[in-house]
Protein backbone atom coordinates (compact mmCIF):
# COMPACT_ATOMS: atom_id res chain seq x y z
CA UNK A 1 -12.06 -8.02 26.75
CA UNK A 2 -10.47 -7.15 23.40
CA UNK A 3 -11.26 -10.52 21.84
CA UNK A 4 -14.91 -9.89 22.66
CA UNK A 5 -14.85 -6.77 20.47
CA UNK A 6 -13.83 -8.60 17.29
CA UNK A 7 -17.38 -9.61 16.25
CA UNK A 8 -18.02 -5.91 15.58
CA UNK A 9 -15.60 -6.05 12.67
CA UNK A 10 -17.48 -8.92 11.03
CA UNK A 11 -20.59 -6.73 11.08
CA UNK A 12 -19.03 -3.60 9.59
CA UNK A 13 -20.80 -3.81 6.22
CA UNK A 14 -24.11 -4.72 7.91
CA UNK A 15 -23.64 -1.67 10.13
CA UNK A 16 -23.08 0.45 7.02
CA UNK A 17 -26.35 -0.83 5.61
CA UNK A 18 -28.21 -0.08 8.85
CA UNK A 19 -26.82 3.45 8.97
CA UNK A 20 -27.91 4.04 5.39
CA UNK A 21 -31.41 2.85 6.29
CA UNK A 22 -31.49 5.33 9.18
CA UNK A 23 -30.51 8.15 6.83
CA UNK A 24 -26.75 8.44 7.44
CA UNK A 25 -25.02 8.15 4.08
CA UNK A 26 -22.29 10.80 4.03
CA UNK A 27 -19.61 8.10 4.45
CA UNK A 28 -20.57 6.51 1.12
CA UNK A 29 -18.80 8.96 -1.23
CA UNK A 30 -15.40 8.11 0.25
CA UNK A 31 -15.97 4.38 -0.09
CA UNK A 32 -17.01 4.86 -3.72
CA UNK A 33 -13.94 7.04 -4.27
CA UNK A 34 -11.64 4.41 -2.78
CA UNK A 35 -13.24 1.51 -4.65
CA UNK A 36 -13.05 3.44 -7.94
CA UNK A 37 -9.33 2.61 -8.06
CA UNK A 38 -9.89 -1.17 -7.96
CA UNK A 39 -11.21 -3.93 -10.17
CA UNK A 40 -14.23 -6.00 -9.10
CA UNK A 41 -11.93 -8.65 -7.64
CA UNK A 42 -9.82 -6.03 -5.86
CA UNK A 43 -12.93 -4.45 -4.36
CA UNK A 44 -13.92 -7.81 -2.86
CA UNK A 45 -10.42 -8.15 -1.40
CA UNK A 46 -10.60 -4.59 -0.08
CA UNK A 47 -13.90 -5.29 1.69
CA UNK A 48 -12.33 -8.26 3.50
CA UNK A 49 -9.27 -6.13 4.32
CA UNK A 50 -11.55 -3.59 6.02
CA UNK A 51 -12.89 -6.34 8.29
CA UNK A 52 -9.47 -7.82 9.07
CA UNK A 53 -7.78 -4.46 9.71
CA UNK A 54 -10.68 -3.55 12.02
CA UNK A 55 -10.10 -6.76 13.99
CA UNK A 56 -6.43 -5.92 14.43
CA UNK A 57 -7.24 -2.40 15.64
CA UNK A 58 -10.01 -3.55 17.98
CA UNK A 59 -7.66 -6.06 19.58
CA UNK A 60 -5.28 -3.20 20.41
CA UNK A 61 -7.17 -0.35 22.13
CA UNK A 62 -4.97 2.64 23.03
CA UNK A 63 -3.05 3.09 25.25
CA UNK A 64 -2.13 -0.45 26.21
CA UNK A 65 1.13 -1.70 27.71
CA UNK A 66 1.72 -5.32 26.71
CA UNK A 67 4.36 -7.87 27.53
CA UNK A 68 6.00 -9.91 24.77
CA UNK A 69 3.79 -12.88 25.66
CA UNK A 70 0.64 -10.73 25.58
CA UNK A 71 1.58 -9.31 22.16
CA UNK A 72 1.77 -12.83 20.77
CA UNK A 73 -1.85 -13.37 21.84
CA UNK A 74 -3.17 -10.37 19.89
CA UNK A 75 -5.30 -11.00 16.84
CA UNK A 76 -3.28 -11.97 13.78
CA UNK A 77 -5.05 -12.16 10.41
CA UNK A 78 -4.20 -15.13 8.16
CA UNK A 79 -5.88 -13.28 5.30
CA UNK A 80 -3.67 -10.20 5.70
CA UNK A 81 -0.57 -12.37 6.10
CA UNK A 82 -1.35 -14.05 2.78
CA UNK A 83 -1.69 -10.64 1.12
CA UNK A 84 1.61 -9.56 2.67
CA UNK A 85 3.34 -12.63 1.22
CA UNK A 86 1.85 -11.92 -2.22
CA UNK A 87 3.03 -8.32 -1.93
CA UNK A 88 6.55 -9.44 -1.06
CA UNK A 89 6.62 -11.61 -4.19
CA UNK A 90 5.37 -8.73 -6.34
CA UNK A 91 7.92 -6.33 -4.81
CA UNK A 92 10.77 -8.82 -4.95
CA UNK A 93 11.59 -8.25 -1.28
CA UNK A 94 10.05 -7.91 2.16
CA UNK A 95 9.06 -4.57 3.66
CA UNK A 96 12.42 -4.05 5.38
CA UNK A 97 14.21 -3.99 2.01
CA UNK A 98 11.86 -1.70 0.08
CA UNK A 99 13.93 1.45 0.51
CA UNK A 100 16.99 -0.30 -0.91
CA UNK A 101 15.19 -1.48 -4.07
CA UNK A 102 12.76 1.39 -4.67
CA UNK A 103 13.35 5.07 -4.29
CA UNK A 104 11.34 7.87 -2.77
CA UNK A 105 7.57 7.75 -2.66
CA UNK A 106 7.37 4.40 -4.44
CA UNK A 107 8.13 2.74 -1.10
CA UNK A 108 4.91 4.16 0.31
CA UNK A 109 2.40 2.45 -1.95
CA UNK A 110 4.40 -0.77 -2.17
CA UNK A 111 3.85 -1.32 1.58
CA UNK A 112 0.04 -1.24 1.40
CA UNK A 113 -1.74 -4.60 1.40
CA UNK A 114 -5.28 -3.38 0.58
CA UNK A 115 -5.29 -3.32 -3.27
CA UNK A 116 -7.76 -0.42 -3.61
CA UNK A 117 -5.88 1.70 -1.09
CA UNK A 118 -2.54 0.80 -2.69
CA UNK A 119 -3.71 1.83 -6.16
CA UNK A 120 -5.28 5.01 -4.77
CA UNK A 121 -2.03 6.07 -3.07
CA UNK A 122 -0.01 5.18 -6.14
CA UNK A 123 -2.35 7.25 -8.31
CA UNK A 124 -2.05 10.18 -5.91
CA UNK A 125 1.74 10.05 -6.21
CA UNK A 126 2.06 9.43 -9.93
CA UNK A 127 -1.00 11.28 -11.29
CA UNK A 128 -1.40 13.98 -8.68
CA UNK A 129 -3.26 16.54 -10.79
CA UNK A 130 -5.90 14.02 -11.85
CA UNK A 131 -6.06 12.68 -8.29
CA UNK A 132 -6.83 16.16 -6.96
CA UNK A 133 -9.60 16.53 -9.54
CA UNK A 134 -11.17 13.24 -8.43
CA UNK A 135 -10.70 14.13 -4.74
CA UNK A 136 -12.44 17.48 -5.30
CA UNK A 137 -15.40 15.69 -6.89
CA UNK A 138 -15.59 13.29 -3.94
CA UNK A 139 -15.42 16.17 -1.44
CA UNK A 140 -18.24 17.99 -3.19
CA UNK A 141 -20.37 14.84 -3.25
CA UNK A 142 -19.79 14.36 0.49
CA UNK A 143 -20.72 17.99 1.20
CA UNK A 144 -23.98 17.54 -0.70
CA UNK A 145 -24.70 14.37 1.31
CA UNK A 146 -24.21 16.29 4.57
CA UNK A 147 -26.58 19.04 3.39
CA UNK A 148 -29.20 16.45 2.45
CA UNK A 149 -28.95 14.79 5.85
CA UNK A 150 -29.23 18.11 7.67
CA UNK A 151 -32.48 18.70 5.80
CA UNK A 152 -33.70 15.11 6.24
CA UNK A 153 -33.33 15.33 10.04
CA UNK A 154 -34.86 18.81 10.24
CA UNK A 155 -31.69 20.56 11.46
CA UNK A 156 -32.00 24.04 9.98
CA UNK A 157 -29.77 26.32 12.09
CA UNK A 158 -26.93 27.19 9.70
CA UNK A 159 -25.52 30.08 11.75
CA UNK A 160 -21.75 29.78 12.49
CA UNK A 161 -20.96 28.86 16.09
CA UNK A 162 -18.57 30.55 18.49
CA UNK A 163 -16.57 28.30 20.81
CA UNK A 164 -18.95 28.62 23.75
CA UNK A 165 -21.99 27.99 21.59
CA UNK A 166 -20.36 24.85 20.21
CA UNK A 167 -19.98 23.40 23.71
CA UNK A 168 -23.53 24.27 24.73
CA UNK A 169 -24.84 22.75 21.49
CA UNK A 170 -22.78 19.61 22.07
CA UNK A 171 -24.02 19.25 25.66
CA UNK A 172 -27.65 19.81 24.70
CA UNK A 173 -27.60 17.35 21.78
CA UNK A 174 -25.67 14.73 23.76
CA UNK A 175 -28.13 15.12 26.59
CA UNK A 176 -30.92 14.23 24.17
CA UNK A 177 -29.18 11.53 22.10
CA UNK A 178 -26.81 9.76 24.51
CA UNK A 179 -29.37 9.59 27.30
CA UNK A 180 -31.35 7.08 25.24
CA UNK A 181 -28.39 4.71 25.54
CA UNK A 182 -27.93 5.20 29.29
CA UNK A 183 -25.28 7.96 29.23
CA UNK A 184 -25.64 11.18 31.19
CA UNK A 185 -23.56 14.29 31.68
CA UNK A 186 -21.11 13.52 34.47
CA UNK A 187 -20.39 16.65 36.50
CA UNK A 188 -17.82 14.77 38.58
CA UNK A 189 -15.71 13.84 35.52
CA UNK A 190 -16.38 16.94 33.44
CA UNK A 191 -14.21 20.02 33.51
CA UNK A 192 -14.69 23.55 32.23
CA UNK A 193 -14.87 23.29 28.42
CA UNK A 194 -14.54 19.48 28.65
CA UNK A 195 -17.91 17.76 29.04
CA UNK A 196 -17.96 14.03 29.79
CA UNK A 197 -21.02 11.80 29.34
CA UNK A 198 -20.68 8.57 31.27
CA UNK A 199 -22.36 5.23 31.84
CA UNK A 200 -21.40 2.98 34.74
CA UNK A 201 -20.25 -0.47 33.64
CA UNK A 202 -19.25 -1.69 37.12
CA UNK A 203 -18.35 -0.10 40.44
CA UNK A 204 -14.84 0.90 39.28
CA UNK A 205 -15.19 1.44 35.52
CA UNK A 206 -17.28 3.74 33.33
CA UNK A 207 -17.83 4.12 29.60
CA UNK A 208 -17.47 7.76 28.60
CA UNK A 209 -18.22 9.81 25.49
CA UNK A 210 -15.66 12.62 25.18
CA UNK A 211 -14.36 15.22 22.74
CA UNK A 212 -10.86 13.94 22.03
CA UNK A 213 -9.41 17.19 20.70
CA UNK A 214 -11.03 20.21 22.30
CA UNK A 215 -8.63 22.64 20.61
CA UNK A 216 -9.80 21.48 17.15
CA UNK A 217 -13.41 21.55 18.33
CA UNK A 218 -13.12 25.18 19.46
CA UNK A 219 -11.01 26.64 16.64
CA UNK A 220 -11.54 30.42 16.32
CA UNK A 221 -12.28 30.03 12.60
CA UNK A 222 -15.77 29.26 11.32
CA UNK A 223 -14.94 25.58 10.81
CA UNK A 224 -14.72 23.30 13.86
CA UNK A 225 -13.90 19.59 14.15
CA UNK A 226 -15.61 16.96 16.30
CA UNK A 227 -13.23 14.17 17.28
CA UNK A 228 -15.93 12.07 18.95
CA UNK A 229 -14.41 9.53 21.32
CA UNK A 230 -15.49 6.59 23.46
CA UNK A 231 -13.30 5.68 26.42
CA UNK A 232 -13.41 3.00 29.08
CA UNK A 233 -12.21 4.80 32.22
CA UNK A 234 -11.49 4.01 35.82
CA UNK A 235 -14.24 5.66 37.84
CA UNK A 236 -11.80 8.18 39.33
CA UNK A 237 -10.48 9.48 35.97
CA UNK A 238 -11.62 13.07 35.50
CA UNK A 239 -11.25 15.62 32.72
CA UNK A 240 -9.16 14.86 29.65
CA UNK A 241 -7.53 11.43 29.59
CA UNK A 242 -4.35 13.02 28.22
CA UNK A 243 -3.11 13.56 31.76
CA UNK A 244 -3.74 9.96 32.83
CA UNK A 245 -1.53 6.93 32.30
CA UNK A 246 -1.98 3.65 30.46
CA UNK A 247 -4.11 1.34 32.57
CA UNK A 248 -6.40 4.14 33.71
CA UNK A 249 -8.36 4.25 30.44
CA UNK A 250 -8.73 2.74 26.97
CA UNK A 251 -9.90 4.46 23.80
CA UNK A 252 -12.38 2.38 21.82
CA UNK A 253 -12.37 3.72 18.27
CA UNK A 254 -15.43 1.88 16.97
CA UNK A 255 -16.15 4.44 14.22
CA UNK A 256 -12.78 3.83 12.58
CA UNK A 257 -14.00 0.44 11.37
CA UNK A 258 -16.09 1.95 8.58
CA UNK A 259 -14.09 3.74 5.85
CA UNK A 260 -15.05 7.37 5.47
CA UNK A 261 -17.35 7.59 8.50
CA UNK A 262 -15.15 9.49 10.97
CA UNK A 263 -14.06 11.91 8.25
CA UNK A 264 -17.59 12.56 6.99
CA UNK A 265 -18.91 13.39 10.46
CA UNK A 266 -15.95 15.47 11.63
CA UNK A 267 -15.78 19.03 10.28
CA UNK A 268 -18.76 21.33 10.87
CA UNK A 269 -19.57 24.90 9.80
CA UNK A 270 -22.70 25.52 11.88
CA UNK A 271 -25.02 24.23 14.58
CA UNK A 272 -27.00 21.99 12.24
CA UNK A 273 -23.89 20.11 11.04
CA UNK A 274 -22.57 19.70 14.60
CA UNK A 275 -25.92 18.28 15.69
CA UNK A 276 -25.94 15.94 12.70
CA UNK A 277 -22.46 14.65 13.49
CA UNK A 278 -23.42 13.89 17.08
CA UNK A 279 -26.53 12.05 15.92
CA UNK A 280 -24.50 10.01 13.42
CA UNK A 281 -21.88 8.93 15.96
CA UNK A 282 -24.56 7.96 18.47
CA UNK A 283 -26.42 6.03 15.75
CA UNK A 284 -23.22 4.11 15.00
CA UNK A 285 -22.67 3.37 18.69
CA UNK A 286 -26.21 2.07 18.99
CA UNK A 287 -25.34 -0.58 16.38
CA UNK A 288 -22.39 -1.90 18.42
CA UNK A 289 -23.36 -1.03 22.00
CA UNK A 290 -24.40 -4.56 23.01
CA UNK A 291 -21.08 -6.01 21.81
CA UNK A 292 -18.93 -3.34 23.46
CA UNK A 293 -20.77 -3.27 26.76
CA UNK A 294 -21.21 -7.06 26.90
CA UNK A 295 -17.51 -7.63 26.22
CA UNK A 296 -16.49 -5.20 28.95
CA UNK A 297 -18.87 -6.64 31.52
CA UNK A 298 -17.72 -10.19 30.76
CA UNK A 299 -14.10 -9.17 31.20
CA UNK A 300 -14.72 -7.29 34.45
CA UNK A 301 -17.00 -9.88 36.09
């Protein structure tokens, strides 16, 4: 099944373009921030790294127990291996020897293969005051993008939400958005304060949209966080997957492919922002649904 997910990674920049066309652009400020640390050539390398890292992650859904033979069959990126070799030459050693040759925080950035990310982390360590200034500017740009999208989609309720209102808002918006893709609220799998929206893939397995961290979602402060998750579950798995073992479910983190997306559509201050985040995650899933669902069905047939 996992090998069937890899084509999603090749499409990541096309998906970004499609999301922009649909009006979801709040992930762009982070990508501009990250690329601002690289040269034109390094940015091209970074964009390939995003694809290759996504392939590696997609080939390893969590949690998965693998034998030594199965681990050898996981996706291995020749491109990333070449970068790792180049990094070893630049460092004068392999990763296992970094702490012996370089002290403290220097070991951190010297391990990173993506050139833009490596230079960003190095800048954060060595020029922290300037880094914080640039990060603040990025954060403000992202906040403006969220406000613009809230207006663009006609989501005007800016009143802070209590925990119960957050859940009712989530359920109502998911009922409207996820239903278009064949998902419905599953009373059998849901628990109090843990709604599950499911779609049957075969008689024994379901795809489920879940809130992965309910405690963060229902923080007593004004700011909440939506950790929007997609899980492939055995049909008898109910409630939070935290209490189930490997083999009963897999987490399919499709949004993590696109830099900045999960972070942009995470924290919310009011109903309008929560509704926007749900719409954005569903819009992303729509772009990859045929690959995910086709791969699963092919593996389970």
